[in-house]
Amino acid sequence: MLSETERDSLSDILFNIDLANSFAEGFVDGRLKKATAAGGKAMREPFDIPGVSRIAILMDSRSAAIGLITPAG
């Protein structure tokens, strides 16, 4: 079980997103790496849908599934 501070840290990583940066290359991979370091778990490692997007699915510390997506560049 994560402490309140660890939960807050994971929430900050997942939800305090600068939308301009969410279009940057490496966003999905970087955000997933930070989230798993803070206690989240990868349910689906990052994958590409050619010409469409890059996606990863993770589970936060409260077992909520969260999808990370950025459009293809």
N, C-alpha and C. Protein backbone atom coordinates (compact mmCIF):
# COMPACT_ATOMS: atom_id res chain seq x y z
N MET A 1 0.85 -1.18 0.00
CA MET A 1 0.00 0.00 0.00
C MET A 1 0.89 1.24 0.00
N LEU A 2 0.52 2.19 -0.81
CA LEU A 2 1.31 3.41 -0.90
C LEU A 2 0.89 4.41 0.18
N SER A 3 1.86 5.17 0.63
CA SER A 3 1.55 6.24 1.57
C SER A 3 0.81 7.35 0.86
N GLU A 4 0.25 8.27 1.62
CA GLU A 4 -0.47 9.41 1.03
C GLU A 4 0.47 10.24 0.14
N THR A 5 1.70 10.41 0.58
CA THR A 5 2.67 11.17 -0.21
C THR A 5 2.96 10.47 -1.53
N GLU A 6 3.14 9.14 -1.50
CA GLU A 6 3.39 8.39 -2.73
C GLU A 6 2.19 8.47 -3.67
N ARG A 7 0.97 8.37 -3.12
CA ARG A 7 -0.24 8.48 -3.95
C ARG A 7 -0.32 9.86 -4.59
N ASP A 8 -0.02 10.90 -3.82
CA ASP A 8 -0.05 12.25 -4.36
C ASP A 8 0.98 12.40 -5.47
N SER A 9 2.15 11.80 -5.28
CA SER A 9 3.20 11.88 -6.28
C SER A 9 2.74 11.20 -7.58
N LEU A 10 2.13 10.04 -7.48
CA LEU A 10 1.64 9.33 -8.66
C LEU A 10 0.53 10.14 -9.33
N SER A 11 -0.36 10.73 -8.56
CA SER A 11 -1.41 11.56 -9.13
C SER A 11 -0.83 12.76 -9.86
N ASP A 12 0.19 13.37 -9.29
CA ASP A 12 0.85 14.50 -9.96
C ASP A 12 1.43 14.08 -11.31
N ILE A 13 2.06 12.92 -11.34
CA ILE A 13 2.66 12.43 -12.57
C ILE A 13 1.60 12.18 -13.63
N LEU A 14 0.49 11.59 -13.22
CA LEU A 14 -0.52 11.20 -14.18
C LEU A 14 -1.44 12.33 -14.61
N PHE A 15 -1.76 13.24 -13.72
CA PHE A 15 -2.81 14.19 -14.02
C PHE A 15 -2.36 15.64 -14.19
N ASN A 16 -1.19 15.99 -13.76
CA ASN A 16 -0.69 17.35 -13.96
C ASN A 16 0.14 17.38 -15.23
N ILE A 17 -0.55 17.39 -16.35
CA ILE A 17 0.09 17.26 -17.65
C ILE A 17 -0.05 18.58 -18.40
N ASP A 18 1.06 19.06 -18.90
CA ASP A 18 1.06 20.21 -19.79
C ASP A 18 0.66 19.68 -21.17
N LEU A 19 -0.51 20.08 -21.65
CA LEU A 19 -1.02 19.52 -22.90
C LEU A 19 -0.07 19.71 -24.08
N ALA A 20 0.66 20.80 -24.10
CA ALA A 20 1.62 21.00 -25.19
C ALA A 20 2.66 19.90 -25.20
N ASN A 21 3.09 19.44 -24.02
CA ASN A 21 4.09 18.38 -23.94
C ASN A 21 3.52 17.01 -24.25
N SER A 22 2.20 16.84 -24.16
CA SER A 22 1.62 15.53 -24.42
C SER A 22 1.73 15.15 -25.90
N PHE A 23 2.08 16.12 -26.75
CA PHE A 23 2.28 15.83 -28.16
C PHE A 23 3.75 15.56 -28.49
N ALA A 24 4.61 15.69 -27.51
CA ALA A 24 6.05 15.52 -27.73
C ALA A 24 6.41 14.04 -27.86
N GLU A 25 7.40 13.78 -28.70
CA GLU A 25 7.89 12.41 -28.85
C GLU A 25 8.43 11.93 -27.50
N GLY A 26 8.13 10.73 -27.13
CA GLY A 26 8.59 10.16 -25.87
C GLY A 26 7.68 10.43 -24.69
N PHE A 27 6.58 11.17 -24.89
CA PHE A 27 5.68 11.50 -23.79
C PHE A 27 5.12 10.25 -23.11
N VAL A 28 4.56 9.34 -23.90
CA VAL A 28 3.92 8.14 -23.33
C VAL A 28 4.95 7.31 -22.56
N ASP A 29 6.10 7.06 -23.18
CA ASP A 29 7.13 6.25 -22.52
C ASP A 29 7.65 6.92 -21.26
N GLY A 30 7.91 8.21 -21.33
CA GLY A 30 8.42 8.94 -20.17
C GLY A 30 7.44 9.00 -19.03
N ARG A 31 6.17 9.26 -19.35
CA ARG A 31 5.14 9.35 -18.31
C ARG A 31 4.92 7.99 -17.67
N LEU A 32 4.93 6.91 -18.48
CA LEU A 32 4.76 5.57 -17.93
C LEU A 32 5.93 5.22 -17.01
N LYS A 33 7.15 5.57 -17.41
CA LYS A 33 8.32 5.29 -16.58
C LYS A 33 8.21 6.00 -15.22
N LYS A 34 7.81 7.27 -15.25
CA LYS A 34 7.65 8.02 -13.99
C LYS A 34 6.54 7.43 -13.14
N ALA A 35 5.44 7.06 -13.77
CA ALA A 35 4.31 6.51 -13.03
C ALA A 35 4.64 5.17 -12.38
N THR A 36 5.34 4.30 -13.09
CA THR A 36 5.69 3.01 -12.50
C THR A 36 6.71 3.19 -11.38
N ALA A 37 7.59 4.16 -11.52
CA ALA A 37 8.55 4.44 -10.45
C ALA A 37 7.85 4.94 -9.19
N ALA A 38 6.68 5.56 -9.37
CA ALA A 38 5.92 6.10 -8.24
C ALA A 38 4.88 5.12 -7.71
N GLY A 39 4.85 3.89 -8.22
CA GLY A 39 3.94 2.88 -7.69
C GLY A 39 2.86 2.42 -8.64
N GLY A 40 2.76 3.00 -9.82
CA GLY A 40 1.80 2.52 -10.80
C GLY A 40 2.32 1.24 -11.45
N LYS A 41 1.44 0.54 -12.16
CA LYS A 41 1.83 -0.71 -12.83
C LYS A 41 1.40 -0.67 -14.28
N ALA A 42 2.31 -1.05 -15.16
CA ALA A 42 1.99 -1.11 -16.59
C ALA A 42 1.07 -2.29 -16.84
N MET A 43 -0.09 -2.03 -17.41
CA MET A 43 -1.00 -3.10 -17.82
C MET A 43 -0.70 -3.48 -19.27
N ARG A 44 -0.29 -2.50 -20.05
CA ARG A 44 0.10 -2.70 -21.45
C ARG A 44 1.24 -1.73 -21.74
N GLU A 45 2.38 -2.27 -22.06
CA GLU A 45 3.54 -1.45 -22.39
C GLU A 45 3.22 -0.59 -23.62
N PRO A 46 3.94 0.51 -23.81
CA PRO A 46 3.67 1.38 -24.96
C PRO A 46 3.71 0.62 -26.29
N PHE A 47 2.77 0.96 -27.15
CA PHE A 47 2.71 0.37 -28.48
C PHE A 47 2.23 1.42 -29.47
N ASP A 48 2.55 1.22 -30.72
CA ASP A 48 2.18 2.17 -31.77
C ASP A 48 1.03 1.64 -32.60
N ILE A 49 0.16 2.54 -32.98
CA ILE A 49 -0.80 2.29 -34.04
C ILE A 49 -0.28 3.15 -35.19
N PRO A 50 0.35 2.53 -36.18
CA PRO A 50 1.04 3.28 -37.23
C PRO A 50 0.18 4.38 -37.85
N GLY A 51 0.74 5.57 -37.89
CA GLY A 51 0.06 6.71 -38.48
C GLY A 51 -1.05 7.30 -37.63
N VAL A 52 -1.28 6.73 -36.44
CA VAL A 52 -2.38 7.20 -35.60
C VAL A 52 -1.88 7.71 -34.25
N SER A 53 -1.26 6.83 -33.44
CA SER A 53 -0.87 7.23 -32.09
C SER A 53 0.08 6.24 -31.44
N ARG A 54 0.56 6.62 -30.25
CA ARG A 54 1.32 5.74 -29.35
C ARG A 54 0.52 5.69 -28.06
N ILE A 55 0.33 4.49 -27.54
CA ILE A 55 -0.56 4.26 -26.41
C ILE A 55 0.11 3.38 -25.37
N ALA A 56 -0.20 3.61 -24.10
CA ALA A 56 0.16 2.72 -22.99
C ALA A 56 -1.01 2.72 -22.02
N ILE A 57 -1.21 1.61 -21.34
CA ILE A 57 -2.26 1.50 -20.34
C ILE A 57 -1.59 1.14 -19.02
N LEU A 58 -1.97 1.85 -17.96
CA LEU A 58 -1.40 1.53 -16.65
C LEU A 58 -2.47 1.52 -15.58
N MET A 59 -2.11 1.00 -14.44
CA MET A 59 -3.00 0.96 -13.29
C MET A 59 -2.37 1.81 -12.20
N ASP A 60 -3.17 2.70 -11.64
CA ASP A 60 -2.62 3.53 -10.56
C ASP A 60 -2.69 2.77 -9.24
N SER A 61 -2.27 3.40 -8.17
CA SER A 61 -2.18 2.74 -6.87
C SER A 61 -3.55 2.38 -6.29
N ARG A 62 -4.62 2.91 -6.86
CA ARG A 62 -5.97 2.58 -6.40
C ARG A 62 -6.69 1.63 -7.35
N SER A 63 -5.92 1.02 -8.25
CA SER A 63 -6.41 0.05 -9.23
C SER A 63 -7.28 0.65 -10.32
N ALA A 64 -7.15 1.94 -10.55
CA ALA A 64 -7.85 2.57 -11.66
C ALA A 64 -7.00 2.44 -12.92
N ALA A 65 -7.62 2.02 -14.01
CA ALA A 65 -6.90 1.93 -15.28
C ALA A 65 -6.86 3.30 -15.94
N ILE A 66 -5.69 3.62 -16.49
CA ILE A 66 -5.48 4.92 -17.12
C ILE A 66 -4.77 4.69 -18.45
N GLY A 67 -5.27 5.32 -19.49
CA GLY A 67 -4.63 5.23 -20.80
C GLY A 67 -3.85 6.50 -21.08
N LEU A 68 -2.65 6.33 -21.57
CA LEU A 68 -1.82 7.44 -22.03
C LEU A 68 -1.75 7.36 -23.54
N ILE A 69 -1.97 8.47 -24.22
CA ILE A 69 -1.97 8.46 -25.67
C ILE A 69 -1.38 9.76 -26.20
N THR A 70 -0.64 9.65 -27.26
CA THR A 70 -0.16 10.83 -27.97
C THR A 70 -0.30 10.55 -29.46
N PRO A 71 -0.69 11.54 -30.22
CA PRO A 71 -0.87 11.32 -31.66
C PRO A 71 0.45 11.02 -32.36
N ALA A 72 0.36 10.31 -33.44
CA ALA A 72 1.54 10.02 -34.26
C ALA A 72 2.08 11.33 -34.82
N GLY A 73 3.40 11.41 -34.87
CA GLY A 73 4.02 12.65 -35.35
C GLY A 73 4.17 12.62 -36.80
